[in-house]
Amino acid sequence: MNKSWKYRTVLLVASVGLALTSVGLLFAFLSDPSRHSINVRDDSRIVLFLVVGVLMTSIGVSLFAAAINHTAVTIAPKTHRDINLGIGGGVTFQLIAFIETDPIMLGAMLLSGTLLIVWASMRYAEAKGYSKSLGALGVLGLLGLIILILMPSRQTQAVDAGSNSSISS
């Protein structure tokens, strides 16, 4: 399979995965398990929506994860750690912001989370052979990361910035 068709297949699988995940989350949301009724039929529908939602989301995430494995590049350990810490820390800060009641802390948490995600996106874009400025897609949050993940790699070797060692892919 040539590179163009392989990339199109990966993009299709990732898109199907994202669509299934989105529909699954919608079903899970529509289930509203906190709403109990006396009507057995309604309760059955709540459970059915929840089960379908969880299954579709699980399948979608699995498909997306399988697709991104084919677009992954071999990244030097330090860079890989930096990317993971930046994305994990950024998402954590943004999630914590949702429970924050103080407007100043809310803004600080959202800004810190976004800056960490942008930093990690810059490192990831560079690892895939693109300009660091493409890391600005991190401002879009998870959507920006998905775009970066699905972009084909321009690099056949990963080089850790600050060291002369390289790892073949």
N, C-alpha and C. Protein backbone atom coordinates (compact mmCIF):
# COMPACT_ATOMS: atom_id res chain seq x y z
N MET A 1 0.85 -1.17 0.00
CA MET A 1 0.00 0.00 0.00
C MET A 1 0.90 1.24 0.00
N ASN A 2 0.69 2.15 -0.97
CA ASN A 2 1.55 3.32 -1.01
C ASN A 2 1.21 4.28 0.11
N LYS A 3 2.10 5.26 0.32
CA LYS A 3 2.00 6.15 1.46
C LYS A 3 0.70 6.98 1.44
N SER A 4 0.29 7.41 0.24
CA SER A 4 -0.92 8.23 0.12
C SER A 4 -2.17 7.46 0.55
N TRP A 5 -2.30 6.22 0.08
CA TRP A 5 -3.46 5.41 0.45
C TRP A 5 -3.42 5.03 1.92
N LYS A 6 -2.24 4.76 2.43
CA LYS A 6 -2.12 4.43 3.85
C LYS A 6 -2.59 5.60 4.70
N TYR A 7 -2.17 6.80 4.34
CA TYR A 7 -2.56 7.98 5.11
C TYR A 7 -4.07 8.21 5.00
N ARG A 8 -4.63 8.03 3.82
CA ARG A 8 -6.09 8.20 3.65
C ARG A 8 -6.86 7.18 4.48
N THR A 9 -6.37 5.96 4.53
CA THR A 9 -7.01 4.92 5.34
C THR A 9 -6.95 5.28 6.82
N VAL A 10 -5.79 5.74 7.26
CA VAL A 10 -5.63 6.15 8.66
C VAL A 10 -6.57 7.30 8.98
N LEU A 11 -6.66 8.26 8.07
CA LEU A 11 -7.54 9.42 8.27
C LEU A 11 -9.00 8.97 8.33
N LEU A 12 -9.39 8.03 7.48
CA LEU A 12 -10.76 7.52 7.48
C LEU A 12 -11.06 6.79 8.80
N VAL A 13 -10.16 5.94 9.23
CA VAL A 13 -10.36 5.19 10.48
C VAL A 13 -10.43 6.16 11.67
N ALA A 14 -9.55 7.16 11.68
CA ALA A 14 -9.58 8.15 12.76
C ALA A 14 -10.88 8.94 12.75
N SER A 15 -11.35 9.30 11.56
CA SER A 15 -12.61 10.06 11.46
C SER A 15 -13.79 9.23 11.93
N VAL A 16 -13.82 7.96 11.55
CA VAL A 16 -14.89 7.07 12.02
C VAL A 16 -14.80 6.93 13.53
N GLY A 17 -13.59 6.80 14.05
CA GLY A 17 -13.40 6.70 15.49
C GLY A 17 -13.91 7.93 16.22
N LEU A 18 -13.58 9.11 15.70
CA LEU A 18 -14.06 10.35 16.32
C LEU A 18 -15.57 10.48 16.22
N ALA A 19 -16.14 10.09 15.07
CA ALA A 19 -17.60 10.15 14.91
C ALA A 19 -18.29 9.21 15.90
N LEU A 20 -17.79 7.98 16.01
CA LEU A 20 -18.37 7.04 16.96
C LEU A 20 -18.25 7.54 18.39
N THR A 21 -17.11 8.14 18.71
CA THR A 21 -16.91 8.68 20.05
C THR A 21 -17.91 9.80 20.32
N SER A 22 -18.08 10.68 19.36
CA SER A 22 -19.02 11.80 19.53
C SER A 22 -20.46 11.31 19.69
N VAL A 23 -20.87 10.39 18.83
CA VAL A 23 -22.23 9.85 18.92
C VAL A 23 -22.40 9.08 20.23
N GLY A 24 -21.37 8.34 20.62
CA GLY A 24 -21.43 7.60 21.88
C GLY A 24 -21.58 8.52 23.07
N LEU A 25 -20.83 9.62 23.08
CA LEU A 25 -20.96 10.58 24.17
C LEU A 25 -22.34 11.23 24.16
N LEU A 26 -22.89 11.46 22.98
CA LEU A 26 -24.24 12.02 22.89
C LEU A 26 -25.26 11.04 23.47
N PHE A 27 -25.15 9.77 23.12
CA PHE A 27 -26.06 8.76 23.69
C PHE A 27 -25.92 8.69 25.21
N ALA A 28 -24.69 8.71 25.68
CA ALA A 28 -24.47 8.66 27.14
C ALA A 28 -25.09 9.89 27.80
N PHE A 29 -24.96 11.05 27.16
CA PHE A 29 -25.55 12.27 27.69
C PHE A 29 -27.08 12.18 27.70
N LEU A 30 -27.64 11.66 26.62
CA LEU A 30 -29.10 11.55 26.52
C LEU A 30 -29.68 10.52 27.50
N SER A 31 -28.84 9.61 27.97
CA SER A 31 -29.36 8.60 28.90
C SER A 31 -29.79 9.23 30.21
N ASP A 32 -29.11 10.26 30.66
CA ASP A 32 -29.42 10.98 31.90
C ASP A 32 -29.76 10.00 33.02
N PRO A 33 -28.78 9.22 33.48
CA PRO A 33 -29.06 8.20 34.50
C PRO A 33 -29.55 8.75 35.83
N SER A 34 -29.37 10.05 36.08
CA SER A 34 -29.85 10.61 37.34
C SER A 34 -31.37 10.77 37.34
N ARG A 35 -31.98 10.67 36.16
CA ARG A 35 -33.43 10.83 36.03
C ARG A 35 -34.07 9.44 36.10
N HIS A 36 -34.59 9.10 37.25
CA HIS A 36 -35.28 7.82 37.40
C HIS A 36 -36.78 8.06 37.31
N SER A 37 -37.45 7.13 36.75
CA SER A 37 -38.90 7.27 36.64
C SER A 37 -39.57 6.01 37.18
N ILE A 38 -40.84 6.11 37.30
CA ILE A 38 -41.63 4.95 37.74
C ILE A 38 -41.87 4.03 36.56
N ASN A 39 -41.85 4.58 35.38
CA ASN A 39 -42.13 3.83 34.16
C ASN A 39 -40.92 2.94 33.79
N VAL A 40 -41.16 1.64 33.75
CA VAL A 40 -40.09 0.68 33.45
C VAL A 40 -39.55 0.89 32.04
N ARG A 41 -40.42 1.25 31.11
CA ARG A 41 -39.99 1.47 29.72
C ARG A 41 -38.98 2.61 29.65
N ASP A 42 -39.24 3.69 30.37
CA ASP A 42 -38.30 4.82 30.39
C ASP A 42 -36.98 4.42 31.03
N ASP A 43 -37.05 3.66 32.12
CA ASP A 43 -35.82 3.20 32.76
C ASP A 43 -35.02 2.30 31.83
N SER A 44 -35.68 1.46 31.07
CA SER A 44 -34.99 0.59 30.11
C SER A 44 -34.31 1.43 29.04
N ARG A 45 -34.97 2.48 28.59
CA ARG A 45 -34.40 3.36 27.57
C ARG A 45 -33.15 4.08 28.13
N ILE A 46 -33.22 4.49 29.39
CA ILE A 46 -32.08 5.16 30.02
C ILE A 46 -30.88 4.21 30.02
N VAL A 47 -31.09 2.98 30.43
CA VAL A 47 -30.00 2.00 30.49
C VAL A 47 -29.50 1.68 29.08
N LEU A 48 -30.41 1.53 28.13
CA LEU A 48 -30.02 1.23 26.75
C LEU A 48 -29.16 2.36 26.18
N PHE A 49 -29.57 3.60 26.35
CA PHE A 49 -28.79 4.74 25.85
C PHE A 49 -27.41 4.77 26.50
N LEU A 50 -27.37 4.51 27.80
CA LEU A 50 -26.10 4.53 28.51
C LEU A 50 -25.16 3.44 27.98
N VAL A 51 -25.67 2.22 27.83
CA VAL A 51 -24.85 1.11 27.35
C VAL A 51 -24.38 1.36 25.91
N VAL A 52 -25.30 1.80 25.05
CA VAL A 52 -24.93 2.10 23.66
C VAL A 52 -23.89 3.22 23.64
N GLY A 53 -24.10 4.24 24.46
CA GLY A 53 -23.16 5.36 24.51
C GLY A 53 -21.78 4.92 24.93
N VAL A 54 -21.70 4.13 25.98
CA VAL A 54 -20.40 3.67 26.48
C VAL A 54 -19.72 2.77 25.45
N LEU A 55 -20.48 1.87 24.83
CA LEU A 55 -19.89 0.97 23.82
C LEU A 55 -19.39 1.74 22.60
N MET A 56 -20.21 2.67 22.09
CA MET A 56 -19.79 3.44 20.92
C MET A 56 -18.57 4.30 21.23
N THR A 57 -18.56 4.89 22.41
CA THR A 57 -17.41 5.71 22.81
C THR A 57 -16.16 4.85 22.91
N SER A 58 -16.27 3.67 23.51
CA SER A 58 -15.11 2.78 23.65
C SER A 58 -14.59 2.33 22.29
N ILE A 59 -15.49 1.95 21.40
CA ILE A 59 -15.07 1.52 20.06
C ILE A 59 -14.44 2.70 19.31
N GLY A 60 -15.05 3.87 19.43
CA GLY A 60 -14.53 5.06 18.75
C GLY A 60 -13.15 5.43 19.23
N VAL A 61 -12.95 5.42 20.53
CA VAL A 61 -11.63 5.75 21.08
C VAL A 61 -10.61 4.70 20.65
N SER A 62 -11.00 3.44 20.63
CA SER A 62 -10.08 2.38 20.19
C SER A 62 -9.68 2.56 18.73
N LEU A 63 -10.65 2.87 17.87
CA LEU A 63 -10.34 3.09 16.46
C LEU A 63 -9.41 4.29 16.28
N PHE A 64 -9.71 5.36 17.01
CA PHE A 64 -8.87 6.55 16.90
C PHE A 64 -7.45 6.26 17.39
N ALA A 65 -7.35 5.54 18.49
CA ALA A 65 -6.02 5.19 19.02
C ALA A 65 -5.25 4.31 18.03
N ALA A 66 -5.95 3.37 17.40
CA ALA A 66 -5.29 2.51 16.40
C ALA A 66 -4.81 3.35 15.22
N ALA A 67 -5.62 4.32 14.82
CA ALA A 67 -5.25 5.16 13.68
C ALA A 67 -4.04 6.02 14.00
N ILE A 68 -4.01 6.60 15.20
CA ILE A 68 -2.89 7.49 15.50
C ILE A 68 -1.58 6.72 15.69
N ASN A 69 -1.68 5.43 15.98
CA ASN A 69 -0.45 4.64 16.06
C ASN A 69 0.26 4.58 14.72
N HIS A 70 -0.51 4.73 13.63
CA HIS A 70 0.09 4.68 12.29
C HIS A 70 0.63 6.03 11.86
N THR A 71 0.27 7.10 12.55
CA THR A 71 0.83 8.41 12.21
C THR A 71 1.91 8.82 13.20
N ALA A 72 2.12 7.99 14.20
CA ALA A 72 3.09 8.32 15.24
C ALA A 72 4.51 8.27 14.67
N VAL A 73 5.33 9.08 15.25
CA VAL A 73 6.75 9.07 14.91
C VAL A 73 7.50 8.57 16.13
N THR A 74 8.70 8.09 15.88
CA THR A 74 9.54 7.70 17.01
C THR A 74 10.09 8.99 17.59
N ILE A 75 9.75 9.24 18.82
CA ILE A 75 10.14 10.48 19.48
C ILE A 75 11.14 10.16 20.57
N ALA A 76 12.15 10.99 20.65
CA ALA A 76 13.17 10.81 21.69
C ALA A 76 12.51 10.82 23.06
N PRO A 77 13.02 10.03 24.01
CA PRO A 77 12.37 9.89 25.32
C PRO A 77 12.11 11.22 26.05
N LYS A 78 13.07 12.14 26.05
CA LYS A 78 12.87 13.41 26.75
C LYS A 78 11.75 14.22 26.10
N THR A 79 11.73 14.27 24.79
CA THR A 79 10.68 15.00 24.08
C THR A 79 9.33 14.34 24.32
N HIS A 80 9.30 13.02 24.29
CA HIS A 80 8.07 12.27 24.54
C HIS A 80 7.53 12.58 25.93
N ARG A 81 8.43 12.61 26.91
CA ARG A 81 8.03 12.94 28.29
C ARG A 81 7.48 14.35 28.36
N ASP A 82 8.16 15.30 27.71
CA ASP A 82 7.70 16.69 27.71
C ASP A 82 6.30 16.82 27.12
N ILE A 83 6.07 16.13 26.01
CA ILE A 83 4.76 16.18 25.34
C ILE A 83 3.68 15.61 26.27
N ASN A 84 3.96 14.46 26.85
CA ASN A 84 2.98 13.85 27.75
C ASN A 84 2.68 14.73 28.96
N LEU A 85 3.72 15.30 29.56
CA LEU A 85 3.52 16.17 30.72
C LEU A 85 2.75 17.43 30.34
N GLY A 86 3.07 18.00 29.19
CA GLY A 86 2.38 19.21 28.75
C GLY A 86 0.91 18.98 28.49
N ILE A 87 0.60 17.91 27.78
CA ILE A 87 -0.80 17.62 27.47
C ILE A 87 -1.54 17.20 28.74
N GLY A 88 -0.95 16.30 29.50
CA GLY A 88 -1.60 15.84 30.74
C GLY A 88 -1.81 16.98 31.72
N GLY A 89 -0.77 17.80 31.92
CA GLY A 89 -0.90 18.93 32.83
C GLY A 89 -1.90 19.96 32.33
N GLY A 90 -1.86 20.23 31.02
CA GLY A 90 -2.79 21.20 30.45
C GLY A 90 -4.24 20.79 30.59
N VAL A 91 -4.53 19.54 30.27
CA VAL A 91 -5.90 19.04 30.40
C VAL A 91 -6.32 19.02 31.86
N THR A 92 -5.41 18.64 32.74
CA THR A 92 -5.72 18.63 34.18
C THR A 92 -6.07 20.03 34.67
N PHE A 93 -5.24 21.02 34.32
CA PHE A 93 -5.53 22.40 34.73
C PHE A 93 -6.90 22.85 34.19
N GLN A 94 -7.19 22.51 32.93
CA GLN A 94 -8.47 22.94 32.36
C GLN A 94 -9.64 22.24 33.02
N LEU A 95 -9.49 20.98 33.39
CA LEU A 95 -10.57 20.28 34.08
C LEU A 95 -10.78 20.83 35.49
N ILE A 96 -9.69 21.14 36.18
CA ILE A 96 -9.80 21.71 37.52
C ILE A 96 -10.49 23.07 37.46
N ALA A 97 -10.27 23.80 36.38
CA ALA A 97 -10.88 25.13 36.24
C ALA A 97 -12.41 25.05 36.27
N PHE A 98 -12.97 23.93 35.83
CA PHE A 98 -14.43 23.80 35.81
C PHE A 98 -15.04 23.74 37.21
N ILE A 99 -14.27 23.36 38.20
CA ILE A 99 -14.81 23.32 39.56
C ILE A 99 -14.42 24.55 40.37
N GLU A 100 -13.63 25.42 39.75
CA GLU A 100 -13.17 26.63 40.44
C GLU A 100 -14.26 27.69 40.43
N THR A 101 -14.49 28.33 41.59
CA THR A 101 -15.53 29.36 41.69
C THR A 101 -14.95 30.77 41.63
N ASP A 102 -13.69 30.94 42.00
CA ASP A 102 -13.06 32.25 41.96
C ASP A 102 -12.71 32.59 40.51
N PRO A 103 -13.23 33.71 39.97
CA PRO A 103 -12.98 34.04 38.57
C PRO A 103 -11.50 34.22 38.22
N ILE A 104 -10.72 34.74 39.15
CA ILE A 104 -9.29 34.94 38.88
C ILE A 104 -8.59 33.58 38.79
N MET A 105 -8.91 32.67 39.70
CA MET A 105 -8.31 31.33 39.66
C MET A 105 -8.79 30.57 38.42
N LEU A 106 -10.05 30.74 38.06
CA LEU A 106 -10.60 30.10 36.87
C LEU A 106 -9.79 30.54 35.65
N GLY A 107 -9.60 31.84 35.50
CA GLY A 107 -8.83 32.35 34.37
C GLY A 107 -7.40 31.88 34.39
N ALA A 108 -6.80 31.87 35.57
CA ALA A 108 -5.41 31.43 35.69
C ALA A 108 -5.26 29.95 35.32
N MET A 109 -6.21 29.13 35.77
CA MET A 109 -6.16 27.69 35.46
C MET A 109 -6.36 27.45 33.96
N LEU A 110 -7.32 28.14 33.36
CA LEU A 110 -7.56 27.96 31.92
C LEU A 110 -6.36 28.43 31.10
N LEU A 111 -5.79 29.58 31.48
CA LEU A 111 -4.63 30.10 30.76
C LEU A 111 -3.43 29.17 30.93
N SER A 112 -3.18 28.70 32.15
CA SER A 112 -2.06 27.79 32.39
C SER A 112 -2.23 26.50 31.60
N GLY A 113 -3.44 25.95 31.62
CA GLY A 113 -3.71 24.72 30.87
C GLY A 113 -3.50 24.90 29.38
N THR A 114 -3.99 26.01 28.86
CA THR A 114 -3.83 26.28 27.43
C THR A 114 -2.36 26.46 27.06
N LEU A 115 -1.61 27.18 27.88
CA LEU A 115 -0.19 27.38 27.60
C LEU A 115 0.59 26.06 27.62
N LEU A 116 0.25 25.17 28.56
CA LEU A 116 0.91 23.86 28.60
C LEU A 116 0.59 23.04 27.35
N ILE A 117 -0.67 23.07 26.93
CA ILE A 117 -1.05 22.32 25.72
C ILE A 117 -0.37 22.90 24.49
N VAL A 118 -0.28 24.22 24.39
CA VAL A 118 0.40 24.85 23.26
C VAL A 118 1.88 24.46 23.26
N TRP A 119 2.51 24.49 24.44
CA TRP A 119 3.92 24.11 24.54
C TRP A 119 4.12 22.66 24.09
N ALA A 120 3.26 21.76 24.56
CA ALA A 120 3.36 20.35 24.17
C ALA A 120 3.10 20.19 22.67
N SER A 121 2.16 20.96 22.14
CA SER A 121 1.87 20.90 20.70
C SER A 121 3.06 21.38 19.87
N MET A 122 3.75 22.40 20.36
CA MET A 122 4.94 22.88 19.68
C MET A 122 6.02 21.79 19.64
N ARG A 123 6.20 21.11 20.75
CA ARG A 123 7.19 20.02 20.82
C ARG A 123 6.78 18.88 19.87
N TYR A 124 5.49 18.57 19.82
CA TYR A 124 5.00 17.48 18.98
C TYR A 124 5.14 17.83 17.50
N ALA A 125 4.77 19.08 17.14
CA ALA A 125 4.90 19.51 15.74
C ALA A 125 6.36 19.42 15.30
N GLU A 126 7.26 19.85 16.16
CA GLU A 126 8.69 19.79 15.85
C GLU A 126 9.15 18.33 15.70
N ALA A 127 8.65 17.44 16.56
CA ALA A 127 9.03 16.03 16.49
C ALA A 127 8.53 15.37 15.21
N LYS A 128 7.43 15.88 14.65
CA LYS A 128 6.90 15.34 13.40
C LYS A 128 7.52 15.99 12.17
N GLY A 129 8.45 16.95 12.40
CA GLY A 129 9.15 17.56 11.28
C GLY A 129 8.53 18.86 10.81
N TYR A 130 7.63 19.42 11.55
CA TYR A 130 6.98 20.69 11.19
C TYR A 130 7.58 21.82 12.01
N SER A 131 7.23 23.05 11.64
CA SER A 131 7.68 24.22 12.37
C SER A 131 7.01 24.26 13.74
N LYS A 132 7.74 24.78 14.74
CA LYS A 132 7.16 24.92 16.08
C LYS A 132 5.91 25.79 16.07
N SER A 133 5.86 26.74 15.14
CA SER A 133 4.72 27.66 15.10
C SER A 133 3.40 26.93 14.84
N LEU A 134 3.48 25.74 14.25
CA LEU A 134 2.28 24.94 14.04
C LEU A 134 1.69 24.48 15.37
N GLY A 135 2.49 24.53 16.41
CA GLY A 135 2.02 24.19 17.75
C GLY A 135 0.96 25.14 18.26
N ALA A 136 0.78 26.27 17.59
CA ALA A 136 -0.29 27.20 17.96
C ALA A 136 -1.66 26.54 17.83
N LEU A 137 -1.73 25.44 17.12
CA LEU A 137 -2.99 24.68 17.05
C LEU A 137 -3.42 24.22 18.43
N GLY A 138 -2.49 24.16 19.36
CA GLY A 138 -2.81 23.77 20.74
C GLY A 138 -3.81 24.71 21.39
N VAL A 139 -3.93 25.94 20.88
CA VAL A 139 -4.93 26.88 21.41
C VAL A 139 -6.33 26.32 21.22
N LEU A 140 -6.51 25.49 20.22
CA LEU A 140 -7.82 24.87 19.96
C LEU A 140 -8.10 23.71 20.90
N GLY A 141 -7.16 23.41 21.79
CA GLY A 141 -7.35 22.33 22.76
C GLY A 141 -7.25 20.98 22.10
N LEU A 142 -8.18 20.10 22.44
CA LEU A 142 -8.13 18.73 21.92
C LEU A 142 -8.30 18.69 20.41
N LEU A 143 -9.08 19.61 19.83
CA LEU A 143 -9.23 19.66 18.38
C LEU A 143 -7.88 19.94 17.72
N GLY A 144 -7.12 20.88 18.26
CA GLY A 144 -5.80 21.17 17.72
C GLY A 144 -4.86 19.98 17.82
N LEU A 145 -4.93 19.28 18.95
CA LEU A 145 -4.10 18.09 19.12
C LEU A 145 -4.48 17.00 18.12
N ILE A 146 -5.77 16.83 17.89
CA ILE A 146 -6.22 15.82 16.92
C ILE A 146 -5.70 16.16 15.54
N ILE A 147 -5.76 17.44 15.17
CA ILE A 147 -5.24 17.86 13.86
C ILE A 147 -3.75 17.53 13.77
N LEU A 148 -2.99 17.86 14.81
CA LEU A 148 -1.55 17.57 14.80
C LEU A 148 -1.27 16.08 14.72
N ILE A 149 -2.03 15.31 15.46
CA ILE A 149 -1.82 13.86 15.48
C ILE A 149 -2.07 13.26 14.11
N LEU A 150 -3.08 13.75 13.42
CA LEU A 150 -3.44 13.16 12.13
C LEU A 150 -2.60 13.66 10.97
N MET A 151 -1.81 14.69 11.18
CA MET A 151 -0.94 15.17 10.11
C MET A 151 0.16 14.15 9.86
N PRO A 152 0.47 13.89 8.60
CA PRO A 152 1.53 12.92 8.32
C PRO A 152 2.88 13.44 8.80
N SER A 153 3.71 12.51 9.19
CA SER A 153 5.04 12.87 9.67
C SER A 153 5.92 13.25 8.50
N ARG A 154 6.72 14.28 8.69
CA ARG A 154 7.70 14.67 7.68
C ARG A 154 9.09 14.18 8.06
N GLN A 155 9.18 13.49 9.15
CA GLN A 155 10.47 13.12 9.70
C GLN A 155 10.62 11.61 9.74
N THR A 156 11.78 11.13 9.35
CA THR A 156 12.05 9.70 9.43
C THR A 156 12.86 9.36 10.66
N GLN A 157 13.47 10.36 11.27
CA GLN A 157 14.23 10.15 12.49
C GLN A 157 13.80 11.16 13.52
N ALA A 158 13.79 10.75 14.78
CA ALA A 158 13.48 11.67 15.86
C ALA A 158 14.77 12.08 16.53
N VAL A 159 14.94 13.35 16.71
CA VAL A 159 16.14 13.86 17.35
C VAL A 159 15.71 14.68 18.55
N ASP A 160 16.25 14.35 19.69
CA ASP A 160 15.95 15.10 20.90
C ASP A 160 16.72 16.39 20.87
N ALA A 161 16.01 17.51 20.99
CA ALA A 161 16.68 18.81 21.02
C ALA A 161 17.64 18.83 22.20
N GLY A 162 18.82 19.26 21.96
CA GLY A 162 19.82 19.32 23.03
C GLY A 162 20.72 18.11 23.06
N SER A 163 20.50 17.14 22.20
CA SER A 163 21.40 15.99 22.16
C SER A 163 21.65 15.61 20.72
N ASN A 164 22.75 14.94 20.47
CA ASN A 164 23.10 14.57 19.09
C ASN A 164 22.66 13.17 18.74
N SER A 165 21.99 12.48 19.68
CA SER A 165 21.58 11.11 19.40
C SER A 165 20.26 11.10 18.64
N SER A 166 20.06 10.10 17.81
CA SER A 166 18.80 9.97 17.09
C SER A 166 18.33 8.54 17.16
N ILE A 167 17.03 8.40 16.97
CA ILE A 167 16.41 7.08 17.02
C ILE A 167 15.74 6.86 15.68
N SER A 168 16.03 5.76 15.01
CA SER A 168 15.40 5.49 13.73
C SER A 168 13.98 5.05 13.93
N SER A 169 13.11 5.40 12.98
CA SER A 169 11.71 4.97 13.08
C SER A 169 11.47 3.68 12.39
